[in-house]
Amino acid sequence: MSDPVSVSGSAAIEVTVASVGPQGPPGADGAGVPPGGAKGQVLVKSGEGDGEAVWADPPPPLEIDGGTF
């Protein structure tokens, strides 16, 4: 496998090319994104652990000093 490399300018560069082996077998599926969720909802953490997430309505915009954020 080779990819073209372009160099411009006068600065010295060092390039290391490593060979890439074959792709391994796919791993087991992870927790992923929970199913569901409606248009406009956002994914939020539901606990401290990894993968603890649920779909929820986004919070309302913040109004600070007369501006909405």
C-alpha atoms as a PDB file:
ATOM      1  CA  MET A   1       0.000   0.000   0.000  1.00  0.00           C
ATOM      2  CA  SER A   2       1.378   3.407  -0.858  1.00  0.00           C
ATOM      3  CA  ASP A   3      -0.038   6.890  -0.707  1.00  0.00           C
ATOM      4  CA  PRO A   4       1.389   9.931  -2.479  1.00  0.00           C
ATOM      5  CA  VAL A   5       3.164  12.477  -0.290  1.00  0.00           C
ATOM      6  CA  SER A   6       3.631  16.111  -1.232  1.00  0.00           C
ATOM      7  CA  VAL A   7       6.165  18.371   0.469  1.00  0.00           C
ATOM      8  CA  SER A   8       6.547  22.082  -0.088  1.00  0.00           C
ATOM      9  CA  GLY A   9       8.777  24.653   1.552  1.00  0.00           C
ATOM     10  CA  SER A  10      12.347  24.444   2.717  1.00  0.00           C
ATOM     11  CA  ALA A  11      11.963  22.956   6.207  1.00  0.00           C
ATOM     12  CA  ALA A  12      13.490  19.544   6.867  1.00  0.00           C
ATOM     13  CA  ILE A  13      11.020  16.740   7.552  1.00  0.00           C
ATOM     14  CA  GLU A  14      11.308  13.154   8.695  1.00  0.00           C
ATOM     15  CA  VAL A  15       8.845  10.533   7.471  1.00  0.00           C
ATOM     16  CA  THR A  16       8.428   7.075   8.945  1.00  0.00           C
ATOM     17  CA  VAL A  17       6.406   4.570   6.950  1.00  0.00           C
ATOM     18  CA  ALA A  18       5.058   1.568   8.810  1.00  0.00           C
ATOM     19  CA  SER A  19       3.550  -1.433   7.133  1.00  0.00           C
ATOM     20  CA  VAL A  20      -0.048  -2.260   7.955  1.00  0.00           C
ATOM     21  CA  GLY A  21      -1.138  -5.834   8.470  1.00  0.00           C
ATOM     22  CA  PRO A  22      -4.469  -7.392   7.584  1.00  0.00           C
ATOM     23  CA  GLN A  23      -7.615  -6.301   9.384  1.00  0.00           C
ATOM     24  CA  GLY A  24      -8.568  -8.534  12.293  1.00  0.00           C
ATOM     25  CA  PRO A  25     -11.982 -10.037  12.972  1.00  0.00           C
ATOM     26  CA  PRO A  26     -14.748  -7.741  14.233  1.00  0.00           C
ATOM     27  CA  GLY A  27     -15.187  -7.480  17.983  1.00  0.00           C
ATOM     28  CA  ALA A  28     -18.341  -7.896  20.014  1.00  0.00           C
ATOM     29  CA  ASP A  29     -20.933  -5.139  19.838  1.00  0.00           C
ATOM     30  CA  GLY A  30     -20.707  -2.554  22.606  1.00  0.00           C
ATOM     31  CA  ALA A  31     -23.522  -0.858  24.468  1.00  0.00           C
ATOM     32  CA  GLY A  32     -24.034   1.612  21.624  1.00  0.00           C
ATOM     33  CA  VAL A  33     -26.736   4.221  21.541  1.00  0.00           C
ATOM     34  CA  PRO A  34     -30.023   3.191  23.167  1.00  0.00           C
ATOM     35  CA  PRO A  35     -32.902   2.698  20.745  1.00  0.00           C
ATOM     36  CA  GLY A  36     -35.651   5.269  20.442  1.00  0.00           C
ATOM     37  CA  GLY A  37     -35.420   8.992  20.746  1.00  0.00           C
ATOM     38  CA  ALA A  38     -37.677  11.428  18.974  1.00  0.00           C
ATOM     39  CA  LYS A  39     -36.774  14.190  16.551  1.00  0.00           C
ATOM     40  CA  GLY A  40     -35.186  17.024  18.538  1.00  0.00           C
ATOM     41  CA  GLN A  41     -34.247  14.906  21.553  1.00  0.00           C
ATOM     42  CA  VAL A  42     -30.665  14.614  22.781  1.00  0.00           C
ATOM     43  CA  LEU A  43     -28.705  11.763  24.320  1.00  0.00           C
ATOM     44  CA  VAL A  44     -27.871  12.455  27.995  1.00  0.00           C
ATOM     45  CA  LYS A  45     -26.084  10.559  30.753  1.00  0.00           C
ATOM     46  CA  SER A  46     -28.476   8.834  33.136  1.00  0.00           C
ATOM     47  CA  GLY A  47     -25.883   7.650  35.653  1.00  0.00           C
ATOM     48  CA  GLU A  48     -22.179   7.630  36.439  1.00  0.00           C
ATOM     49  CA  GLY A  49     -21.377   4.343  34.681  1.00  0.00           C
ATOM     50  CA  ASP A  50     -20.267   3.753  31.122  1.00  0.00           C
ATOM     51  CA  GLY A  51     -23.137   3.284  28.705  1.00  0.00           C
ATOM     52  CA  GLU A  52     -25.730   4.821  31.042  1.00  0.00           C
ATOM     53  CA  ALA A  53     -27.576   7.115  28.657  1.00  0.00           C
ATOM     54  CA  VAL A  54     -31.168   7.932  27.747  1.00  0.00           C
ATOM     55  CA  TRP A  55     -32.987  10.113  25.233  1.00  0.00           C
ATOM     56  CA  ALA A  56     -34.420  13.351  26.656  1.00  0.00           C
ATOM     57  CA  ASP A  57     -35.809  16.699  25.595  1.00  0.00           C
ATOM     58  CA  PRO A  58     -33.103  19.375  25.521  1.00  0.00           C
ATOM     59  CA  PRO A  59     -33.118  21.990  28.272  1.00  0.00           C
ATOM     60  CA  PRO A  60     -34.566  25.407  27.488  1.00  0.00           C
ATOM     61  CA  PRO A  61     -32.157  28.116  26.291  1.00  0.00           C
ATOM     62  CA  LEU A  62     -30.418  30.197  28.967  1.00  0.00           C
ATOM     63  CA  GLU A  63     -31.202  33.889  29.226  1.00  0.00           C
ATOM     64  CA  ILE A  64     -28.330  35.889  30.693  1.00  0.00           C
ATOM     65  CA  ASP A  65     -28.221  39.685  30.818  1.00  0.00           C
ATOM     66  CA  GLY A  66     -31.034  39.948  28.300  1.00  0.00           C
ATOM     67  CA  GLY A  67     -29.388  37.621  25.771  1.00  0.00           C
ATOM     68  CA  THR A  68     -30.457  34.078  24.971  1.00  0.00           C
ATOM     69  CA  PHE A  69     -27.800  31.389  24.813  1.00  0.00           C
END
